[in-house]
Amino acid sequence: MSCGNPHEVPCNEVLDRVYEYLDNEIPDAEACERIRLHLDECGPCLEKYGLDKAVKALVQRSCGSDDVPSDLREKVRIKIQLLRVEIESDTL
């Protein structure tokens, strides 16, 4: 997705990292700030960010108290990493 306007950080890069941003998992403060600035100036990405934020809140409210088995958590983490690598390979 792209809004068609030039940004320091492209829309697709922001949207690829929106969950990391929501979870405060971006260790680089400068990268985090660039994403925040992009969201401030890009309506379509801000809208997508808002939707993702709402979904995350809904999941947390609905499932937040359920214990997740550690083996399931690890399988999901590995699958997410594999999908990220696959997506990055497809964009090259």
C-alpha atoms as a PDB file:
ATOM      1  CA  MET A   1       0.000   0.000   0.000  1.00  0.00           C
ATOM      2  CA  SER A   2       1.165   3.492  -0.745  1.00  0.00           C
ATOM      3  CA  CYS A   3      -0.637   6.800  -0.423  1.00  0.00           C
ATOM      4  CA  GLY A   4       1.258   8.079  -3.465  1.00  0.00           C
ATOM      5  CA  ASN A   5       3.028  10.847  -1.561  1.00  0.00           C
ATOM      6  CA  PRO A   6       6.770  10.850  -0.903  1.00  0.00           C
ATOM      7  CA  HIS A   7       7.808  10.160   2.691  1.00  0.00           C
ATOM      8  CA  GLU A   8      11.151   9.665   4.413  1.00  0.00           C
ATOM      9  CA  VAL A   9       9.947   6.162   5.347  1.00  0.00           C
ATOM     10  CA  PRO A  10       7.843   4.476   2.624  1.00  0.00           C
ATOM     11  CA  CYS A  11       4.281   3.415   3.485  1.00  0.00           C
ATOM     12  CA  ASN A  12       4.992  -0.292   2.979  1.00  0.00           C
ATOM     13  CA  GLU A  13       7.895  -0.161   5.445  1.00  0.00           C
ATOM     14  CA  VAL A  14       5.731   1.556   8.061  1.00  0.00           C
ATOM     15  CA  LEU A  15       2.906  -0.954   7.613  1.00  0.00           C
ATOM     16  CA  ASP A  16       5.352  -3.875   7.753  1.00  0.00           C
ATOM     17  CA  ARG A  17       6.474  -2.676  11.183  1.00  0.00           C
ATOM     18  CA  VAL A  18       3.183  -1.386  12.593  1.00  0.00           C
ATOM     19  CA  TYR A  19       2.789  -4.290  15.041  1.00  0.00           C
ATOM     20  CA  GLU A  20       6.356  -3.828  16.272  1.00  0.00           C
ATOM     21  CA  TYR A  21       5.555  -0.140  16.726  1.00  0.00           C
ATOM     22  CA  LEU A  22       2.315  -0.923  18.582  1.00  0.00           C
ATOM     23  CA  ASP A  23       4.144  -3.339  20.875  1.00  0.00           C
ATOM     24  CA  ASN A  24       7.054  -0.934  21.490  1.00  0.00           C
ATOM     25  CA  GLU A  25       9.410  -3.549  20.043  1.00  0.00           C
ATOM     26  CA  ILE A  26      11.445  -1.218  17.845  1.00  0.00           C
ATOM     27  CA  PRO A  27      14.672  -0.755  19.817  1.00  0.00           C
ATOM     28  CA  ASP A  28      15.991   2.070  17.629  1.00  0.00           C
ATOM     29  CA  ALA A  29      14.451   5.307  18.959  1.00  0.00           C
ATOM     30  CA  GLU A  30      15.230   7.113  15.701  1.00  0.00           C
ATOM     31  CA  ALA A  31      13.405   4.482  13.612  1.00  0.00           C
ATOM     32  CA  CYS A  32      10.466   4.643  15.998  1.00  0.00           C
ATOM     33  CA  GLU A  33      10.341   8.426  15.642  1.00  0.00           C
ATOM     34  CA  ARG A  34      10.440   8.192  11.821  1.00  0.00           C
ATOM     35  CA  ILE A  35       7.463   5.822  11.914  1.00  0.00           C
ATOM     36  CA  ARG A  36       5.575   8.156  14.263  1.00  0.00           C
ATOM     37  CA  LEU A  37       6.266  11.122  11.967  1.00  0.00           C
ATOM     38  CA  HIS A  38       5.085   9.121   8.957  1.00  0.00           C
ATOM     39  CA  LEU A  39       1.844   8.226  10.747  1.00  0.00           C
ATOM     40  CA  ASP A  40       1.357  11.905  11.643  1.00  0.00           C
ATOM     41  CA  GLU A  41       1.499  12.954   7.987  1.00  0.00           C
ATOM     42  CA  CYS A  42      -0.009   9.966   6.148  1.00  0.00           C
ATOM     43  CA  GLY A  43      -3.771   9.526   6.516  1.00  0.00           C
ATOM     44  CA  PRO A  44      -4.035   6.050   4.907  1.00  0.00           C
ATOM     45  CA  CYS A  45      -1.256   4.620   7.095  1.00  0.00           C
ATOM     46  CA  LEU A  46      -2.696   6.285  10.195  1.00  0.00           C
ATOM     47  CA  GLU A  47      -6.066   4.721   9.392  1.00  0.00           C
ATOM     48  CA  LYS A  48      -4.459   1.276   8.997  1.00  0.00           C
ATOM     49  CA  TYR A  49      -2.501   1.816  12.222  1.00  0.00           C
ATOM     50  CA  GLY A  50      -5.748   2.706  14.007  1.00  0.00           C
ATOM     51  CA  LEU A  51      -7.437  -0.447  12.720  1.00  0.00           C
ATOM     52  CA  ASP A  52      -4.499  -2.607  13.786  1.00  0.00           C
ATOM     53  CA  LYS A  53      -4.470  -0.917  17.187  1.00  0.00           C
ATOM     54  CA  ALA A  54      -8.204  -1.620  17.621  1.00  0.00           C
ATOM     55  CA  VAL A  55      -7.805  -5.278  16.619  1.00  0.00           C
ATOM     56  CA  LYS A  56      -4.906  -5.698  19.026  1.00  0.00           C
ATOM     57  CA  ALA A  57      -6.956  -4.162  21.858  1.00  0.00           C
ATOM     58  CA  LEU A  58      -9.914  -6.419  21.056  1.00  0.00           C
ATOM     59  CA  VAL A  59      -7.722  -9.530  21.089  1.00  0.00           C
ATOM     60  CA  GLN A  60      -6.136  -8.463  24.353  1.00  0.00           C
ATOM     61  CA  ARG A  61      -9.541  -7.865  25.957  1.00  0.00           C
ATOM     62  CA  SER A  62     -10.923 -11.152  24.671  1.00  0.00           C
ATOM     63  CA  CYS A  63      -7.911 -13.379  25.215  1.00  0.00           C
ATOM     64  CA  GLY A  64      -5.669 -11.427  27.555  1.00  0.00           C
ATOM     65  CA  SER A  65      -6.287 -13.634  30.563  1.00  0.00           C
ATOM     66  CA  ASP A  66      -5.813 -16.959  28.752  1.00  0.00           C
ATOM     67  CA  ASP A  67      -2.537 -18.735  29.391  1.00  0.00           C
ATOM     68  CA  VAL A  68      -0.699 -19.600  26.209  1.00  0.00           C
ATOM     69  CA  PRO A  69       1.409 -22.752  26.268  1.00  0.00           C
ATOM     70  CA  SER A  70       5.076 -21.880  25.754  1.00  0.00           C
ATOM     71  CA  ASP A  71       5.447 -24.347  22.867  1.00  0.00           C
ATOM     72  CA  LEU A  72       2.540 -22.679  21.023  1.00  0.00           C
ATOM     73  CA  ARG A  73       4.020 -19.239  21.668  1.00  0.00           C
ATOM     74  CA  GLU A  74       7.359 -20.421  20.222  1.00  0.00           C
ATOM     75  CA  LYS A  75       5.682 -21.976  17.150  1.00  0.00           C
ATOM     76  CA  VAL A  76       3.828 -18.734  16.443  1.00  0.00           C
ATOM     77  CA  ARG A  77       7.006 -16.677  16.893  1.00  0.00           C
ATOM     78  CA  ILE A  78       8.902 -18.933  14.457  1.00  0.00           C
ATOM     79  CA  LYS A  79       6.069 -18.801  11.911  1.00  0.00           C
ATOM     80  CA  ILE A  80       5.997 -14.998  12.062  1.00  0.00           C
ATOM     81  CA  GLN A  81       9.758 -14.855  11.489  1.00  0.00           C
ATOM     82  CA  LEU A  82       9.471 -17.233   8.519  1.00  0.00           C
ATOM     83  CA  LEU A  83       6.679 -15.171   6.996  1.00  0.00           C
ATOM     84  CA  ARG A  84       8.703 -11.972   7.400  1.00  0.00           C
ATOM     85  CA  VAL A  85      11.646 -13.564   5.596  1.00  0.00           C
ATOM     86  CA  GLU A  86       9.327 -14.845   2.858  1.00  0.00           C
ATOM     87  CA  ILE A  87       7.726 -11.420   2.405  1.00  0.00           C
ATOM     88  CA  GLU A  88      11.119  -9.697   2.316  1.00  0.00           C
ATOM     89  CA  SER A  89      12.359 -12.216  -0.275  1.00  0.00           C
ATOM     90  CA  ASP A  90       9.292 -11.581  -2.451  1.00  0.00           C
ATOM     91  CA  THR A  91       9.893  -7.827  -2.461  1.00  0.00           C
ATOM     92  CA  LEU A  92      13.483  -8.137  -3.678  1.00  0.00           C
END
